[in-house]
């Protein structure tokens, strides 16, 4: 699955568990006029360092895997969790359709 948007927030890397497994979360804002979406996405292991090449407000394209888990409480109640795991991230170089349209309307390049 591919997700395009703007990096809204980048958290610091965290180590979890006894073996120091690394997790780093960032939030991507997907632009929709009516229903804007914010997705919390995780990078894990050595991939957490890849976020050093990106900054907040930068447009990105992320390939993600959606993972789902089930947890059963001590009271035997089931709860379900979803995680968006980033497989790859790149700067999104596609042009903004509105900006291109405005440029073409008046014929000026600025």
PDB file of N, CA and C in Angstrom:
ATOM      1  N   UNK A   1       0.850  -1.167   0.000  1.00  0.00           N
ATOM      2  CA  UNK A   1       0.000   0.000   0.000  1.00  0.00           C
ATOM      3  C   UNK A   1       0.896   1.230   0.000  1.00  0.00           C
ATOM      4  N   UNK A   2       0.504   2.239  -0.762  1.00  0.00           N
ATOM      5  CA  UNK A   2       1.297   3.462  -0.824  1.00  0.00           C
ATOM      6  C   UNK A   2       0.503   4.621  -0.236  1.00  0.00           C
ATOM      7  N   UNK A   3       1.195   5.472   0.493  1.00  0.00           N
ATOM      8  CA  UNK A   3       0.587   6.612   1.156  1.00  0.00           C
ATOM      9  C   UNK A   3       1.415   7.841   0.821  1.00  0.00           C
ATOM     10  N   UNK A   4       0.748   8.909   0.382  1.00  0.00           N
ATOM     11  CA  UNK A   4       1.430  10.164   0.073  1.00  0.00           C
ATOM     12  C   UNK A   4       0.869  11.266   0.948  1.00  0.00           C
ATOM     13  N   UNK A   5       1.764  12.118   1.426  1.00  0.00           N
ATOM     14  CA  UNK A   5       1.339  13.231   2.251  1.00  0.00           C
ATOM     15  C   UNK A   5       2.525  14.007   2.774  1.00  0.00           C
ATOM     16  N   UNK A   6       2.281  14.780   3.804  1.00  0.00           N
ATOM     17  CA  UNK A   6       3.298  15.620   4.416  1.00  0.00           C
ATOM     18  C   UNK A   6       3.635  15.091   5.802  1.00  0.00           C
ATOM     19  N   UNK A   7       4.922  15.053   6.110  1.00  0.00           N
ATOM     20  CA  UNK A   7       5.315  14.627   7.459  1.00  0.00           C
ATOM     21  C   UNK A   7       4.850  15.691   8.447  1.00  0.00           C
ATOM     22  N   UNK A   8       4.005  15.285   9.365  1.00  0.00           N
ATOM     23  CA  UNK A   8       3.464  16.190  10.370  1.00  0.00           C
ATOM     24  C   UNK A   8       4.353  16.216  11.620  1.00  0.00           C
ATOM     25  N   UNK A   9       4.883  15.033  11.968  1.00  0.00           N
ATOM     26  CA  UNK A   9       5.655  14.916  13.208  1.00  0.00           C
ATOM     27  C   UNK A   9       6.591  13.723  13.096  1.00  0.00           C
ATOM     28  N   UNK A  10       7.795  13.854  13.659  1.00  0.00           N
ATOM     29  CA  UNK A  10       8.744  12.742  13.732  1.00  0.00           C
ATOM     30  C   UNK A  10       9.159  12.591  15.190  1.00  0.00           C
ATOM     31  N   UNK A  11       8.896  11.423  15.768  1.00  0.00           N
ATOM     32  CA  UNK A  11       9.293  11.153  17.151  1.00  0.00           C
ATOM     33  C   UNK A  11      10.730  10.643  17.207  1.00  0.00           C
ATOM     34  N   UNK A  12      11.270  10.653  18.407  1.00  0.00           N
ATOM     35  CA  UNK A  12      12.595  10.079  18.635  1.00  0.00           C
ATOM     36  C   UNK A  12      12.489   8.559  18.643  1.00  0.00           C
ATOM     37  N   UNK A  13      13.589   7.894  18.348  1.00  0.00           N
ATOM     38  CA  UNK A  13      13.621   6.429  18.393  1.00  0.00           C
ATOM     39  C   UNK A  13      13.526   5.970  19.847  1.00  0.00           C
ATOM     40  N   UNK A  14      12.846   4.838  20.042  1.00  0.00           N
ATOM     41  CA  UNK A  14      12.714   4.237  21.376  1.00  0.00           C
ATOM     42  C   UNK A  14      13.229   2.809  21.310  1.00  0.00           C
ATOM     43  N   UNK A  15      13.838   2.370  22.400  1.00  0.00           N
ATOM     44  CA  UNK A  15      14.252   0.973  22.509  1.00  0.00           C
ATOM     45  C   UNK A  15      13.259   0.255  23.413  1.00  0.00           C
ATOM     46  N   UNK A  16      12.771  -0.890  22.945  1.00  0.00           N
ATOM     47  CA  UNK A  16      11.797  -1.658  23.708  1.00  0.00           C
ATOM     48  C   UNK A  16      12.301  -3.086  23.893  1.00  0.00           C
ATOM     49  N   UNK A  17      11.855  -3.695  24.972  1.00  0.00           N
ATOM     50  CA  UNK A  17      12.228  -5.074  25.244  1.00  0.00           C
ATOM     51  C   UNK A  17      13.634  -5.208  25.799  1.00  0.00           C
ATOM     52  N   UNK A  18      13.978  -6.431  26.195  1.00  0.00           N
ATOM     53  CA  UNK A  18      15.273  -6.710  26.797  1.00  0.00           C
ATOM     54  C   UNK A  18      16.424  -6.617  25.804  1.00  0.00           C
ATOM     55  N   UNK A  19      16.132  -6.825  24.518  1.00  0.00           N
ATOM     56  CA  UNK A  19      17.193  -6.843  23.505  1.00  0.00           C
ATOM     57  C   UNK A  19      17.388  -5.484  22.834  1.00  0.00           C
ATOM     58  N   UNK A  20      16.655  -4.473  23.268  1.00  0.00           N
ATOM     59  CA  UNK A  20      16.827  -3.125  22.736  1.00  0.00           C
ATOM     60  C   UNK A  20      16.321  -2.941  21.319  1.00  0.00           C
ATOM     61  N   UNK A  21      15.198  -3.578  20.981  1.00  0.00           N
ATOM     62  CA  UNK A  21      14.606  -3.427  19.653  1.00  0.00           C
ATOM     63  C   UNK A  21      14.185  -1.973  19.454  1.00  0.00           C
ATOM     64  N   UNK A  22      14.549  -1.373  18.312  1.00  0.00           N
ATOM     65  CA  UNK A  22      14.270   0.040  18.061  1.00  0.00           C
ATOM     66  C   UNK A  22      12.956   0.224  17.300  1.00  0.00           C
ATOM     67  N   UNK A  23      12.191   1.242  17.731  1.00  0.00           N
ATOM     68  CA  UNK A  23      10.962   1.646  17.061  1.00  0.00           C
ATOM     69  C   UNK A  23      10.976   3.171  16.983  1.00  0.00           C
ATOM     70  N   UNK A  24      10.581   3.691  15.827  1.00  0.00           N
ATOM     71  CA  UNK A  24      10.456   5.135  15.683  1.00  0.00           C
ATOM     72  C   UNK A  24       9.160   5.410  14.937  1.00  0.00           C
ATOM     73  N   UNK A  25       8.390   6.337  15.452  1.00  0.00           N
ATOM     74  CA  UNK A  25       7.095   6.636  14.861  1.00  0.00           C
ATOM     75  C   UNK A  25       7.122   8.034  14.239  1.00  0.00           C
ATOM     76  N   UNK A  26       6.431   8.156  13.121  1.00  0.00           N
ATOM     77  CA  UNK A  26       6.234   9.459  12.506  1.00  0.00           C
ATOM     78  C   UNK A  26       4.793   9.539  12.012  1.00  0.00           C
ATOM     79  N   UNK A  27       4.306  10.757  11.831  1.00  0.00           N
ATOM     80  CA  UNK A  27       2.920  10.964  11.438  1.00  0.00           C
ATOM     81  C   UNK A  27       2.900  11.631  10.067  1.00  0.00           C
ATOM     82  N   UNK A  28       2.108  11.065   9.164  1.00  0.00           N
ATOM     83  CA  UNK A  28       1.937  11.633   7.827  1.00  0.00           C
ATOM     84  C   UNK A  28       0.515  12.173   7.710  1.00  0.00           C
ATOM     85  N   UNK A  29       0.428  13.409   7.246  1.00  0.00           N
ATOM     86  CA  UNK A  29      -0.866  14.065   7.017  1.00  0.00           C
ATOM     87  C   UNK A  29      -1.209  13.895   5.545  1.00  0.00           C
ATOM     88  N   UNK A  30      -2.308  13.214   5.281  1.00  0.00           N
ATOM     89  CA  UNK A  30      -2.790  13.022   3.915  1.00  0.00           C
ATOM     90  C   UNK A  30      -3.834  14.102   3.646  1.00  0.00           C
ATOM     91  N   UNK A  31      -3.627  14.883   2.613  1.00  0.00           N
ATOM     92  CA  UNK A  31      -4.453  16.052   2.339  1.00  0.00           C
ATOM     93  C   UNK A  31      -5.733  15.683   1.594  1.00  0.00           C
ATOM     94  N   UNK A  32      -6.848  15.951   2.233  1.00  0.00           N
ATOM     95  CA  UNK A  32      -8.166  15.848   1.625  1.00  0.00           C
ATOM     96  C   UNK A  32      -8.958  17.035   2.136  1.00  0.00           C
ATOM     97  N   UNK A  33      -9.673  17.709   1.237  1.00  0.00           N
ATOM     98  CA  UNK A  33     -10.419  18.893   1.658  1.00  0.00           C
ATOM     99  C   UNK A  33     -11.441  18.572   2.734  1.00  0.00           C
ATOM    100  N   UNK A  34     -12.243  17.542   2.510  1.00  0.00           N
ATOM    101  CA  UNK A  34     -13.309  17.214   3.444  1.00  0.00           C
ATOM    102  C   UNK A  34     -12.830  16.442   4.664  1.00  0.00           C
ATOM    103  N   UNK A  35     -12.001  15.443   4.429  1.00  0.00           N
ATOM    104  CA  UNK A  35     -11.600  14.545   5.501  1.00  0.00           C
ATOM    105  C   UNK A  35     -10.084  14.363   5.530  1.00  0.00           C
ATOM    106  N   UNK A  36      -9.344  15.308   6.132  1.00  0.00           N
ATOM    107  CA  UNK A  36      -7.891  15.120   6.233  1.00  0.00           C
ATOM    108  C   UNK A  36      -7.579  13.944   7.164  1.00  0.00           C
ATOM    109  N   UNK A  37      -6.551  13.196   6.829  1.00  0.00           N
ATOM    110  CA  UNK A  37      -6.170  12.030   7.627  1.00  0.00           C
ATOM    111  C   UNK A  37      -4.757  12.186   8.162  1.00  0.00           C
ATOM    112  N   UNK A  38      -4.554  11.676   9.359  1.00  0.00           N
ATOM    113  CA  UNK A  38      -3.242  11.632   9.991  1.00  0.00           C
ATOM    114  C   UNK A  38      -2.950  10.169  10.303  1.00  0.00           C
ATOM    115  N   UNK A  39      -1.833   9.666   9.774  1.00  0.00           N
ATOM    116  CA  UNK A  39      -1.467   8.262   9.965  1.00  0.00           C
ATOM    117  C   UNK A  39      -0.195   8.168  10.801  1.00  0.00           C
ATOM    118  N   UNK A  40      -0.265   7.433  11.904  1.00  0.00           N
ATOM    119  CA  UNK A  40       0.920   7.145  12.705  1.00  0.00           C
ATOM    120  C   UNK A  40       1.580   5.914  12.095  1.00  0.00           C
ATOM    121  N   UNK A  41       2.812   6.080  11.641  1.00  0.00           N
ATOM    122  CA  UNK A  41       3.535   5.026  10.931  1.00  0.00           C
ATOM    123  C   UNK A  41       4.803   4.694  11.713  1.00  0.00           C
ATOM    124  N   UNK A  42       5.148   3.404  11.754  1.00  0.00           N
ATOM    125  CA  UNK A  42       6.337   2.967  12.491  1.00  0.00           C
ATOM    126  C   UNK A  42       7.442   2.525  11.552  1.00  0.00           C
ATOM    127  N   UNK A  43       8.674   2.817  11.966  1.00  0.00           N
ATOM    128  CA  UNK A  43       9.863   2.216  11.363  1.00  0.00           C
ATOM    129  C   UNK A  43      10.522   1.432  12.485  1.00  0.00           C
ATOM    130  N   UNK A  44      11.111   0.306  12.141  1.00  0.00           N
ATOM    131  CA  UNK A  44      11.693  -0.552  13.171  1.00  0.00           C
ATOM    132  C   UNK A  44      13.123  -0.956  12.812  1.00  0.00           C
ATOM    133  N   UNK A  45      13.829  -1.444  13.838  1.00  0.00           N
ATOM    134  CA  UNK A  45      15.193  -1.948  13.635  1.00  0.00           C
ATOM    135  C   UNK A  45      16.128  -0.880  13.106  1.00  0.00           C
ATOM    136  N   UNK A  46      16.995  -1.270  12.180  1.00  0.00           N
ATOM    137  CA  UNK A  46      17.963  -0.335  11.609  1.00  0.00           C
ATOM    138  C   UNK A  46      17.315   0.710  10.716  1.00  0.00           C
ATOM    139  N   UNK A  47      16.082   0.478  10.295  1.00  0.00           N
ATOM    140  CA  UNK A  47      15.394   1.430   9.420  1.00  0.00           C
ATOM    141  C   UNK A  47      15.061   2.745  10.113  1.00  0.00           C
ATOM    142  N   UNK A  48      15.071   2.779  11.453  1.00  0.00           N
ATOM    143  CA  UNK A  48      14.711   4.016  12.157  1.00  0.00           C
ATOM    144  C   UNK A  48      15.643   5.165  11.776  1.00  0.00           C
ATOM    145  N   UNK A  49      16.879   4.853  11.410  1.00  0.00           N
ATOM    146  CA  UNK A  49      17.845   5.891  11.046  1.00  0.00           C
ATOM    147  C   UNK A  49      17.509   6.557   9.716  1.00  0.00           C
ATOM    148  N   UNK A  50      16.703   5.921   8.880  1.00  0.00           N
ATOM    149  CA  UNK A  50      16.329   6.497   7.585  1.00  0.00           C
ATOM    150  C   UNK A  50      15.550   7.804   7.760  1.00  0.00           C
ATOM    151  N   UNK A  51      14.886   7.968   8.880  1.00  0.00           N
ATOM    152  CA  UNK A  51      14.111   9.193   9.116  1.00  0.00           C
ATOM    153  C   UNK A  51      15.001  10.408   9.345  1.00  0.00           C
ATOM    154  N   UNK A  52      16.287  10.198   9.591  1.00  0.00           N
ATOM    155  CA  UNK A  52      17.209  11.325   9.765  1.00  0.00           C
ATOM    156  C   UNK A  52      17.321  12.143   8.483  1.00  0.00           C
ATOM    157  N   UNK A  53      16.987  11.543   7.341  1.00  0.00           N
ATOM    158  CA  UNK A  53      17.077  12.218   6.051  1.00  0.00           C
ATOM    159  C   UNK A  53      15.821  13.023   5.714  1.00  0.00           C
ATOM    160  N   UNK A  54      14.841  13.050   6.623  1.00  0.00           N
ATOM    161  CA  UNK A  54      13.575  13.729   6.370  1.00  0.00           C
ATOM    162  C   UNK A  54      13.271  14.702   7.498  1.00  0.00           C
ATOM    163  N   UNK A  55      12.402  15.676   7.192  1.00  0.00           N
ATOM    164  CA  UNK A  55      12.037  16.649   8.220  1.00  0.00           C
ATOM    165  C   UNK A  55      10.530  16.894   8.179  1.00  0.00           C
ATOM    166  N   UNK A  56      10.029  17.481   9.235  1.00  0.00           N
ATOM    167  CA  UNK A  56       8.617  17.806   9.313  1.00  0.00           C
ATOM    168  C   UNK A  56       8.260  18.795   8.206  1.00  0.00           C
ATOM    169  N   UNK A  57       7.065  18.676   7.668  1.00  0.00           N
ATOM    170  CA  UNK A  57       6.505  19.468   6.573  1.00  0.00           C
ATOM    171  C   UNK A  57       7.031  19.054   5.192  1.00  0.00           C
ATOM    172  N   UNK A  58       7.859  18.021   5.137  1.00  0.00           N
ATOM    173  CA  UNK A  58       8.357  17.525   3.858  1.00  0.00           C
ATOM    174  C   UNK A  58       7.336  16.564   3.244  1.00  0.00           C
ATOM    175  N   UNK A  59       7.122  16.689   1.935  1.00  0.00           N
ATOM    176  CA  UNK A  59       6.202  15.789   1.240  1.00  0.00           C
ATOM    177  C   UNK A  59       6.913  14.471   0.964  1.00  0.00           C
ATOM    178  N   UNK A  60       6.222  13.368   1.311  1.00  0.00           N
ATOM    179  CA  UNK A  60       6.819  12.048   1.165  1.00  0.00           C
ATOM    180  C   UNK A  60       5.833  11.055   0.549  1.00  0.00           C
ATOM    181  N   UNK A  61       6.400   9.984   0.060  1.00  0.00           N
ATOM    182  CA  UNK A  61       5.641   8.838  -0.414  1.00  0.00           C
ATOM    183  C   UNK A  61       6.151   7.639   0.376  1.00  0.00           C
ATOM    184  N   UNK A  62       5.251   6.936   1.052  1.00  0.00           N
ATOM    185  CA  UNK A  62       5.627   5.801   1.895  1.00  0.00           C
ATOM    186  C   UNK A  62       4.958   4.530   1.385  1.00  0.00           C
ATOM    187  N   UNK A  63       5.730   3.476   1.296  1.00  0.00           N
ATOM    188  CA  UNK A  63       5.140   2.164   1.073  1.00  0.00           C
ATOM    189  C   UNK A  63       4.992   1.543   2.450  1.00  0.00           C
ATOM    190  N   UNK A  64       3.769   1.112   2.757  1.00  0.00           N
ATOM    191  CA  UNK A  64       3.506   0.609   4.096  1.00  0.00           C
ATOM    192  C   UNK A  64       2.858  -0.767   4.052  1.00  0.00           C
ATOM    193  N   UNK A  65       3.051  -1.493   5.143  1.00  0.00           N
ATOM    194  CA  UNK A  65       2.362  -2.762   5.372  1.00  0.00           C
ATOM    195  C   UNK A  65       1.446  -2.551   6.562  1.00  0.00           C
ATOM    196  N   UNK A  66       0.225  -3.029   6.439  1.00  0.00           N
ATOM    197  CA  UNK A  66      -0.730  -2.916   7.539  1.00  0.00           C
ATOM    198  C   UNK A  66      -0.717  -4.235   8.294  1.00  0.00           C
ATOM    199  N   UNK A  67      -0.376  -4.160   9.569  1.00  0.00           N
ATOM    200  CA  UNK A  67      -0.327  -5.356  10.412  1.00  0.00           C
ATOM    201  C   UNK A  67      -1.432  -5.285  11.456  1.00  0.00           C
ATOM    202  N   UNK A  68      -2.062  -6.411  11.737  1.00  0.00           N
ATOM    203  CA  UNK A  68      -3.116  -6.472  12.740  1.00  0.00           C
ATOM    204  C   UNK A  68      -2.827  -7.552  13.770  1.00  0.00           C
ATOM    205  N   UNK A  69      -3.148  -7.249  15.020  1.00  0.00           N
ATOM    206  CA  UNK A  69      -2.915  -8.201  16.107  1.00  0.00           C
ATOM    207  C   UNK A  69      -4.139  -8.293  17.006  1.00  0.00           C
ATOM    208  N   UNK A  70      -4.252  -9.427  17.648  1.00  0.00           N
ATOM    209  CA  UNK A  70      -5.319  -9.636  18.619  1.00  0.00           C
ATOM    210  C   UNK A  70      -4.681  -9.816  19.991  1.00  0.00           C
ATOM    211  N   UNK A  71      -5.302  -9.206  21.000  1.00  0.00           N
ATOM    212  CA  UNK A  71      -4.853  -9.353  22.379  1.00  0.00           C
ATOM    213  C   UNK A  71      -6.062  -9.771  23.201  1.00  0.00           C
ATOM    214  N   UNK A  72      -5.847 -10.710  24.120  1.00  0.00           N
ATOM    215  CA  UNK A  72      -6.924 -11.168  24.997  1.00  0.00           C
ATOM    216  C   UNK A  72      -6.579 -10.754  26.421  1.00  0.00           C
ATOM    217  N   UNK A  73      -7.479 -10.013  27.050  1.00  0.00           N
ATOM    218  CA  UNK A  73      -7.257  -9.510  28.404  1.00  0.00           C
ATOM    219  C   UNK A  73      -7.382 -10.648  29.423  1.00  0.00           C
ATOM    220  N   UNK A  74      -6.937 -10.408  30.648  1.00  0.00           N
ATOM    221  CA  UNK A  74      -7.119 -11.418  31.702  1.00  0.00           C
ATOM    222  C   UNK A  74      -8.591 -11.761  31.938  1.00  0.00           C
ATOM    223  N   UNK A  75      -9.488 -10.827  31.558  1.00  0.00           N
ATOM    224  CA  UNK A  75     -10.932 -11.080  31.690  1.00  0.00           C
ATOM    225  C   UNK A  75     -11.501 -11.775  30.449  1.00  0.00           C
ATOM    226  N   UNK A  76     -10.598 -12.209  29.568  1.00  0.00           N
ATOM    227  CA  UNK A  76     -10.932 -12.935  28.344  1.00  0.00           C
ATOM    228  C   UNK A  76     -11.676 -12.066  27.316  1.00  0.00           C
ATOM    229  N   UNK A  77     -11.419 -10.765  27.329  1.00  0.00           N
ATOM    230  CA  UNK A  77     -11.991  -9.876  26.323  1.00  0.00           C
ATOM    231  C   UNK A  77     -10.963  -9.661  25.215  1.00  0.00           C
ATOM    232  N   UNK A  78     -11.424  -9.749  23.981  1.00  0.00           N
ATOM    233  CA  UNK A  78     -10.536  -9.576  22.845  1.00  0.00           C
ATOM    234  C   UNK A  78     -10.432  -8.099  22.464  1.00  0.00           C
ATOM    235  N   UNK A  79      -9.234  -7.690  22.103  1.00  0.00           N
ATOM    236  CA  UNK A  79      -8.991  -6.335  21.613  1.00  0.00           C
ATOM    237  C   UNK A  79      -8.081  -6.470  20.395  1.00  0.00           C
ATOM    238  N   UNK A  80      -8.323  -5.615  19.392  1.00  0.00           N
ATOM    239  CA  UNK A  80      -7.572  -5.702  18.148  1.00  0.00           C
ATOM    240  C   UNK A  80      -6.803  -4.413  17.907  1.00  0.00           C
ATOM    241  N   UNK A  81      -5.580  -4.531  17.379  1.00  0.00           N
ATOM    242  CA  UNK A  81      -4.697  -3.405  17.124  1.00  0.00           C
ATOM    243  C   UNK A  81      -4.198  -3.466  15.688  1.00  0.00           C
ATOM    244  N   UNK A  82      -4.065  -2.298  15.077  1.00  0.00           N
ATOM    245  CA  UNK A  82      -3.497  -2.190  13.734  1.00  0.00           C
ATOM    246  C   UNK A  82      -2.254  -1.320  13.791  1.00  0.00           C
ATOM    247  N   UNK A  83      -1.263  -1.676  12.997  1.00  0.00           N
ATOM    248  CA  UNK A  83      -0.032  -0.927  12.913  1.00  0.00           C
ATOM    249  C   UNK A  83       0.305  -0.702  11.445  1.00  0.00           C
ATOM    250  N   UNK A  84       0.731   0.525  11.125  1.00  0.00           N
ATOM    251  CA  UNK A  84       1.240   0.821   9.789  1.00  0.00           C
ATOM    252  C   UNK A  84       2.758   0.798   9.878  1.00  0.00           C
ATOM    253  N   UNK A  85       3.368  -0.172   9.207  1.00  0.00           N
ATOM    254  CA  UNK A  85       4.826  -0.303   9.226  1.00  0.00           C
ATOM    255  C   UNK A  85       5.390   0.199   7.901  1.00  0.00           C
ATOM    256  N   UNK A  86       6.338   1.125   7.989  1.00  0.00           N
ATOM    257  CA  UNK A  86       6.945   1.707   6.797  1.00  0.00           C
ATOM    258  C   UNK A  86       7.957   0.727   6.212  1.00  0.00           C
ATOM    259  N   UNK A  87       7.762   0.397   4.946  1.00  0.00           N
ATOM    260  CA  UNK A  87       8.693  -0.475   4.234  1.00  0.00           C
ATOM    261  C   UNK A  87       9.734   0.373   3.512  1.00  0.00           C
ATOM    262  N   UNK A  88       9.289   1.490   2.929  1.00  0.00           N
ATOM    263  CA  UNK A  88      10.215   2.429   2.295  1.00  0.00           C
ATOM    264  C   UNK A  88       9.602   3.823   2.320  1.00  0.00           C
ATOM    265  N   UNK A  89      10.481   4.820   2.291  1.00  0.00           N
ATOM    266  CA  UNK A  89      10.045   6.211   2.303  1.00  0.00           C
ATOM    267  C   UNK A  89      10.923   6.977   1.329  1.00  0.00           C
ATOM    268  N   UNK A  90      10.296   7.900   0.589  1.00  0.00           N
ATOM    269  CA  UNK A  90      11.023   8.719  -0.372  1.00  0.00           C
ATOM    270  C   UNK A  90      10.379  10.085  -0.435  1.00  0.00           C
ATOM    271  N   UNK A  91      11.158  11.053  -0.865  1.00  0.00           N
ATOM    272  CA  UNK A  91      10.616  12.389  -1.077  1.00  0.00           C
ATOM    273  C   UNK A  91       9.602  12.299  -2.211  1.00  0.00           C
ATOM    274  N   UNK A  92       8.443  12.941  -2.032  1.00  0.00           N
ATOM    275  CA  UNK A  92       7.397  12.922  -3.063  1.00  0.00           C
ATOM    276  C   UNK A  92       7.639  14.093  -4.003  1.00  0.00           C
ATOM    277  N   UNK A  93       8.030  13.785  -5.225  1.00  0.00           N
ATOM    278  CA  UNK A  93       8.363  14.817  -6.194  1.00  0.00           C
ATOM    279  C   UNK A  93       7.221  15.122  -7.158  1.00  0.00           C
ATOM    280  N   UNK A  94       6.042  14.519  -6.929  1.00  0.00           N
ATOM    281  CA  UNK A  94       4.910  14.799  -7.809  1.00  0.00           C
ATOM    282  C   UNK A  94       4.446  16.227  -7.572  1.00  0.00           C
ATOM    283  N   UNK A  95       4.001  16.869  -8.635  1.00  0.00           N
ATOM    284  CA  UNK A  95       3.585  18.266  -8.540  1.00  0.00           C
ATOM    285  C   UNK A  95       2.204  18.382  -7.931  1.00  0.00           C
ATOM    286  N   UNK A  96       2.011  19.459  -7.222  1.00  0.00           N
ATOM    287  CA  UNK A  96       0.706  19.776  -6.635  1.00  0.00           C
ATOM    288  C   UNK A  96      -0.230  20.209  -7.760  1.00  0.00           C
ATOM    289  N   UNK A  97      -1.351  19.506  -7.947  1.00  0.00           N
ATOM    290  CA  UNK A  97      -2.275  19.776  -9.046  1.00  0.00           C
ATOM    291  C   UNK A  97      -2.823  21.205  -8.989  1.00  0.00           C
ATOM    292  N   UNK A  98      -3.118  21.723  -7.802  1.00  0.00           N
ATOM    293  CA  UNK A  98      -3.658  23.070  -7.678  1.00  0.00           C
ATOM    294  C   UNK A  98      -2.637  24.106  -8.105  1.00  0.00           C
ATOM    295  N   UNK A  99      -1.383  23.931  -7.713  1.00  0.00           N
ATOM    296  CA  UNK A  99      -0.334  24.884  -8.074  1.00  0.00           C
ATOM    297  C   UNK A  99      -0.108  24.872  -9.577  1.00  0.00           C
ATOM    298  N   UNK A 100      -0.108  23.711 -10.181  1.00  0.00           N
ATOM    299  CA  UNK A 100       0.075  23.604 -11.627  1.00  0.00           C
ATOM    300  C   UNK A 100      -1.099  24.254 -12.337  1.00  0.00           C
ATOM    301  N   UNK A 101      -2.314  24.025 -11.854  1.00  0.00           N
ATOM    302  CA  UNK A 101      -3.505  24.621 -12.451  1.00  0.00           C
ATOM    303  C   UNK A 101      -3.479  26.135 -12.378  1.00  0.00           C
ATOM    304  N   UNK A 102      -3.054  26.696 -11.265  1.00  0.00           N
ATOM    305  CA  UNK A 102      -2.991  28.143 -11.102  1.00  0.00           C
ATOM    306  C   UNK A 102      -1.967  28.744 -12.052  1.00  0.00           C
ATOM    307  N   UNK A 103      -0.856  28.054 -12.248  1.00  0.00           N
ATOM    308  CA  UNK A 103       0.190  28.538 -13.145  1.00  0.00           C
ATOM    309  C   UNK A 103      -0.319  28.570 -14.576  1.00  0.00           C
ATOM    310  N   UNK A 104      -1.098  27.579 -14.954  1.00  0.00           N
ATOM    311  CA  UNK A 104      -1.594  27.500 -16.310  1.00  0.00           C
ATOM    312  C   UNK A 104      -2.726  28.494 -16.569  1.00  0.00           C
ATOM    313  N   UNK A 105      -3.451  28.886 -15.541  1.00  0.00           N
ATOM    314  CA  UNK A 105      -4.579  29.810 -15.705  1.00  0.00           C
ATOM    315  C   UNK A 105      -4.137  31.169 -16.211  1.00  0.00           C
ATOM    316  N   UNK A 106      -3.137  31.774 -15.586  1.00  0.00           N
ATOM    317  CA  UNK A 106      -2.731  33.112 -15.977  1.00  0.00           C
ATOM    318  C   UNK A 106      -1.551  33.129 -16.946  1.00  0.00           C
ATOM    319  N   UNK A 107      -0.975  31.972 -17.217  1.00  0.00           N
ATOM    320  CA  UNK A 107       0.107  31.881 -18.174  1.00  0.00           C
ATOM    321  C   UNK A 107       1.447  32.325 -17.628  1.00  0.00           C
ATOM    322  N   UNK A 108       1.488  32.752 -16.383  1.00  0.00           N
ATOM    323  CA  UNK A 108       2.758  33.187 -15.797  1.00  0.00           C
ATOM    324  C   UNK A 108       3.450  32.027 -15.080  1.00  0.00           C
ATOM    325  N   UNK A 109       4.772  31.970 -15.179  1.00  0.00           N
ATOM    326  CA  UNK A 109       5.483  30.849 -14.540  1.00  0.00           C
ATOM    327  C   UNK A 109       5.710  31.032 -13.047  1.00  0.00           C
ATOM    328  N   UNK A 110       5.227  32.122 -12.465  1.00  0.00           N
ATOM    329  CA  UNK A 110       5.422  32.373 -11.027  1.00  0.00           C
ATOM    330  C   UNK A 110       4.153  32.794 -10.356  1.00  0.00           C
TER     331      UNK A 110
END
